[in-house]
Amino acid sequence: MKRQRHPDVRAAERRGRYNRRVREQPTGIFTDGAAKGKPGPGGWGVVIVTPDRQVIELGGAAAPTTNNKIELTGAIQALLKV
């Protein structure tokens, strides 16, 4: 059975904007966040490593916040960036 490609990938191939070698490499996303107190000041950080080894760093702060909220904020911001 032949594996079907996603329609977006097929369209990118037709336009010549698809690099199979880069596409097959994973993108690394590392996130962390912490808050002091419940609620209290907190911060989050993200490091994204693209398939072509470009490193993107993001970060932010919030007050007042909870630990769960700030941890998820980092993950959400990372997904919005990629």
N, C-alpha and C. Protein backbone atom coordinates (compact mmCIF):
# COMPACT_ATOMS: atom_id res chain seq x y z
N MET A 1 0.84 -1.18 0.00
CA MET A 1 0.00 0.00 0.00
C MET A 1 0.89 1.25 0.00
N LYS A 2 0.65 2.13 -0.93
CA LYS A 2 1.45 3.34 -1.05
C LYS A 2 0.99 4.36 -0.01
N ARG A 3 1.98 4.97 0.66
CA ARG A 3 1.68 5.97 1.69
C ARG A 3 1.26 7.28 1.03
N GLN A 4 0.14 7.82 1.46
CA GLN A 4 -0.37 9.07 0.91
C GLN A 4 0.24 10.26 1.64
N ARG A 5 0.64 11.27 0.90
CA ARG A 5 1.15 12.49 1.51
C ARG A 5 0.00 13.44 1.79
N HIS A 6 0.20 14.27 2.78
CA HIS A 6 -0.79 15.29 3.13
C HIS A 6 -0.95 16.24 1.95
N PRO A 7 -2.17 16.75 1.69
CA PRO A 7 -2.38 17.65 0.55
C PRO A 7 -1.48 18.89 0.59
N ASP A 8 -1.16 19.42 1.78
CA ASP A 8 -0.27 20.59 1.87
C ASP A 8 1.13 20.25 1.39
N VAL A 9 1.59 19.04 1.69
CA VAL A 9 2.92 18.61 1.26
C VAL A 9 2.94 18.46 -0.26
N ARG A 10 1.90 17.86 -0.81
CA ARG A 10 1.83 17.71 -2.27
C ARG A 10 1.83 19.07 -2.96
N ALA A 11 1.09 20.03 -2.40
CA ALA A 11 1.04 21.37 -2.99
C ALA A 11 2.41 22.05 -2.91
N ALA A 12 3.10 21.88 -1.79
CA ALA A 12 4.44 22.47 -1.63
C ALA A 12 5.42 21.84 -2.62
N GLU A 13 5.29 20.54 -2.85
CA GLU A 13 6.16 19.87 -3.82
C GLU A 13 5.94 20.44 -5.21
N ARG A 14 4.68 20.67 -5.58
CA ARG A 14 4.38 21.22 -6.90
C ARG A 14 4.97 22.62 -7.07
N ARG A 15 4.99 23.41 -5.99
CA ARG A 15 5.53 24.77 -6.07
C ARG A 15 7.04 24.79 -5.91
N GLY A 16 7.66 23.65 -5.64
CA GLY A 16 9.10 23.60 -5.48
C GLY A 16 9.56 24.12 -4.13
N ARG A 17 8.68 24.14 -3.14
CA ARG A 17 9.04 24.68 -1.82
C ARG A 17 9.12 23.59 -0.77
N TYR A 18 9.46 22.43 -1.18
CA TYR A 18 9.48 21.30 -0.27
C TYR A 18 10.85 20.66 -0.30
N ASN A 19 11.49 20.58 0.83
CA ASN A 19 12.80 19.96 0.94
C ASN A 19 12.64 18.71 1.79
N ARG A 20 12.65 17.56 1.16
CA ARG A 20 12.37 16.31 1.87
C ARG A 20 13.35 16.08 3.02
N ARG A 21 14.63 16.35 2.81
CA ARG A 21 15.61 16.09 3.85
C ARG A 21 15.33 16.92 5.10
N VAL A 22 15.01 18.19 4.93
CA VAL A 22 14.70 19.05 6.07
C VAL A 22 13.36 18.65 6.68
N ARG A 23 12.39 18.33 5.86
CA ARG A 23 11.05 18.00 6.34
C ARG A 23 11.07 16.76 7.22
N GLU A 24 11.93 15.80 6.93
CA GLU A 24 11.94 14.57 7.69
C GLU A 24 12.68 14.68 9.01
N GLN A 25 13.41 15.77 9.23
CA GLN A 25 14.09 15.99 10.49
C GLN A 25 13.10 16.57 11.50
N PRO A 26 13.19 16.15 12.76
CA PRO A 26 12.26 16.68 13.75
C PRO A 26 12.65 18.08 14.21
N THR A 27 11.66 18.82 14.66
CA THR A 27 11.88 20.11 15.30
C THR A 27 11.86 19.87 16.80
N GLY A 28 12.90 20.31 17.50
CA GLY A 28 12.96 20.14 18.95
C GLY A 28 12.37 21.35 19.65
N ILE A 29 11.49 21.10 20.60
CA ILE A 29 10.88 22.18 21.38
C ILE A 29 11.06 21.84 22.85
N PHE A 30 11.68 22.76 23.58
CA PHE A 30 11.92 22.59 25.01
C PHE A 30 11.28 23.76 25.74
N THR A 31 10.43 23.48 26.72
CA THR A 31 9.73 24.54 27.44
C THR A 31 9.87 24.35 28.95
N ASP A 32 9.75 25.45 29.66
CA ASP A 32 9.73 25.40 31.11
C ASP A 32 9.05 26.66 31.62
N GLY A 33 8.50 26.54 32.79
CA GLY A 33 7.86 27.68 33.42
C GLY A 33 7.76 27.44 34.92
N ALA A 34 7.72 28.51 35.67
CA ALA A 34 7.61 28.38 37.13
C ALA A 34 6.99 29.64 37.70
N ALA A 35 6.29 29.47 38.81
CA ALA A 35 5.70 30.59 39.53
C ALA A 35 6.05 30.45 41.00
N LYS A 36 6.26 31.58 41.64
CA LYS A 36 6.58 31.58 43.06
C LYS A 36 5.33 32.03 43.81
N GLY A 37 4.76 31.10 44.57
CA GLY A 37 3.53 31.41 45.28
C GLY A 37 2.31 30.96 44.50
N LYS A 38 1.16 31.03 45.17
CA LYS A 38 -0.11 30.63 44.54
C LYS A 38 -1.15 31.70 44.81
N PRO A 39 -1.44 32.61 43.98
CA PRO A 39 -0.68 32.98 42.78
C PRO A 39 0.50 33.87 43.14
N GLY A 40 1.38 34.03 42.19
CA GLY A 40 2.56 34.86 42.38
C GLY A 40 3.23 35.15 41.05
N PRO A 41 4.37 35.84 41.09
CA PRO A 41 5.07 36.15 39.84
C PRO A 41 5.63 34.88 39.21
N GLY A 42 5.63 34.84 37.90
CA GLY A 42 6.13 33.65 37.21
C GLY A 42 6.74 34.00 35.87
N GLY A 43 7.44 33.05 35.32
CA GLY A 43 8.05 33.25 34.01
C GLY A 43 8.13 31.94 33.24
N TRP A 44 8.25 32.05 31.94
CA TRP A 44 8.33 30.87 31.07
C TRP A 44 9.44 31.09 30.05
N GLY A 45 9.98 29.99 29.56
CA GLY A 45 11.01 30.04 28.54
C GLY A 45 10.85 28.91 27.55
N VAL A 46 11.27 29.16 26.33
CA VAL A 46 11.15 28.18 25.25
C VAL A 46 12.43 28.21 24.41
N VAL A 47 12.92 27.04 24.04
CA VAL A 47 14.00 26.92 23.07
C VAL A 47 13.49 26.01 21.96
N ILE A 48 13.53 26.50 20.73
CA ILE A 48 13.10 25.74 19.55
C ILE A 48 14.33 25.51 18.68
N VAL A 49 14.58 24.26 18.32
CA VAL A 49 15.68 23.92 17.42
C VAL A 49 15.06 23.38 16.13
N THR A 50 15.25 24.13 15.04
CA THR A 50 14.64 23.76 13.77
C THR A 50 15.47 22.68 13.08
N PRO A 51 14.93 22.02 12.07
CA PRO A 51 15.68 20.98 11.36
C PRO A 51 16.99 21.47 10.75
N ASP A 52 17.06 22.74 10.40
CA ASP A 52 18.31 23.28 9.85
C ASP A 52 19.21 23.85 10.95
N ARG A 53 18.96 23.47 12.20
CA ARG A 53 19.75 23.80 13.39
C ARG A 53 19.71 25.27 13.80
N GLN A 54 18.69 25.97 13.38
CA GLN A 54 18.50 27.33 13.85
C GLN A 54 17.89 27.26 15.25
N VAL A 55 18.40 28.07 16.17
CA VAL A 55 17.90 28.07 17.55
C VAL A 55 17.09 29.34 17.78
N ILE A 56 15.86 29.17 18.26
CA ILE A 56 14.97 30.28 18.55
C ILE A 56 14.68 30.25 20.04
N GLU A 57 14.90 31.37 20.72
CA GLU A 57 14.62 31.45 22.15
C GLU A 57 13.49 32.44 22.40
N LEU A 58 12.55 32.05 23.23
CA LEU A 58 11.42 32.89 23.60
C LEU A 58 11.30 32.91 25.12
N GLY A 59 10.69 33.92 25.66
CA GLY A 59 10.47 33.96 27.10
C GLY A 59 9.52 35.07 27.45
N GLY A 60 8.98 34.98 28.66
CA GLY A 60 8.05 35.99 29.12
C GLY A 60 7.78 35.84 30.60
N ALA A 61 7.04 36.78 31.13
CA ALA A 61 6.70 36.78 32.55
C ALA A 61 5.25 37.18 32.74
N ALA A 62 4.71 36.85 33.87
CA ALA A 62 3.34 37.22 34.21
C ALA A 62 3.21 37.31 35.73
N ALA A 63 2.36 38.20 36.18
CA ALA A 63 2.09 38.31 37.61
C ALA A 63 0.69 38.86 37.79
N PRO A 64 -0.09 38.37 38.65
CA PRO A 64 0.06 37.08 39.35
C PRO A 64 -0.37 35.93 38.45
N THR A 65 0.19 34.78 38.69
CA THR A 65 -0.14 33.59 37.91
C THR A 65 0.09 32.35 38.75
N THR A 66 -0.33 31.22 38.23
CA THR A 66 -0.09 29.94 38.91
C THR A 66 0.96 29.16 38.13
N ASN A 67 1.53 28.16 38.77
CA ASN A 67 2.55 27.36 38.12
C ASN A 67 1.99 26.65 36.88
N ASN A 68 0.80 26.07 37.00
CA ASN A 68 0.21 25.36 35.85
C ASN A 68 -0.02 26.29 34.68
N LYS A 69 -0.54 27.48 34.96
CA LYS A 69 -0.83 28.42 33.88
C LYS A 69 0.45 28.86 33.17
N ILE A 70 1.50 29.14 33.91
CA ILE A 70 2.73 29.63 33.28
C ILE A 70 3.45 28.51 32.54
N GLU A 71 3.38 27.26 33.03
CA GLU A 71 3.95 26.12 32.30
C GLU A 71 3.26 25.95 30.95
N LEU A 72 1.94 26.02 30.95
CA LEU A 72 1.19 25.87 29.71
C LEU A 72 1.38 27.06 28.78
N THR A 73 1.60 28.23 29.33
CA THR A 73 1.85 29.41 28.50
C THR A 73 3.09 29.20 27.64
N GLY A 74 4.14 28.63 28.23
CA GLY A 74 5.35 28.35 27.47
C GLY A 74 5.09 27.39 26.32
N ALA A 75 4.36 26.33 26.59
CA ALA A 75 4.05 25.34 25.55
C ALA A 75 3.19 25.95 24.45
N ILE A 76 2.22 26.75 24.84
CA ILE A 76 1.34 27.39 23.85
C ILE A 76 2.13 28.35 22.97
N GLN A 77 3.00 29.16 23.57
CA GLN A 77 3.79 30.11 22.79
C GLN A 77 4.73 29.38 21.82
N ALA A 78 5.27 28.25 22.25
CA ALA A 78 6.14 27.47 21.36
C ALA A 78 5.35 26.97 20.16
N LEU A 79 4.16 26.46 20.38
CA LEU A 79 3.35 25.95 19.28
C LEU A 79 2.91 27.07 18.36
N LEU A 80 2.64 28.25 18.90
CA LEU A 80 2.27 29.38 18.06
C LEU A 80 3.43 29.82 17.17
N LYS A 81 4.65 29.66 17.65
CA LYS A 81 5.83 30.07 16.89
C LYS A 81 6.11 29.13 15.73
N VAL A 82 5.88 27.82 15.93
CA VAL A 82 6.16 26.88 14.84
C VAL A 82 4.95 26.75 13.98
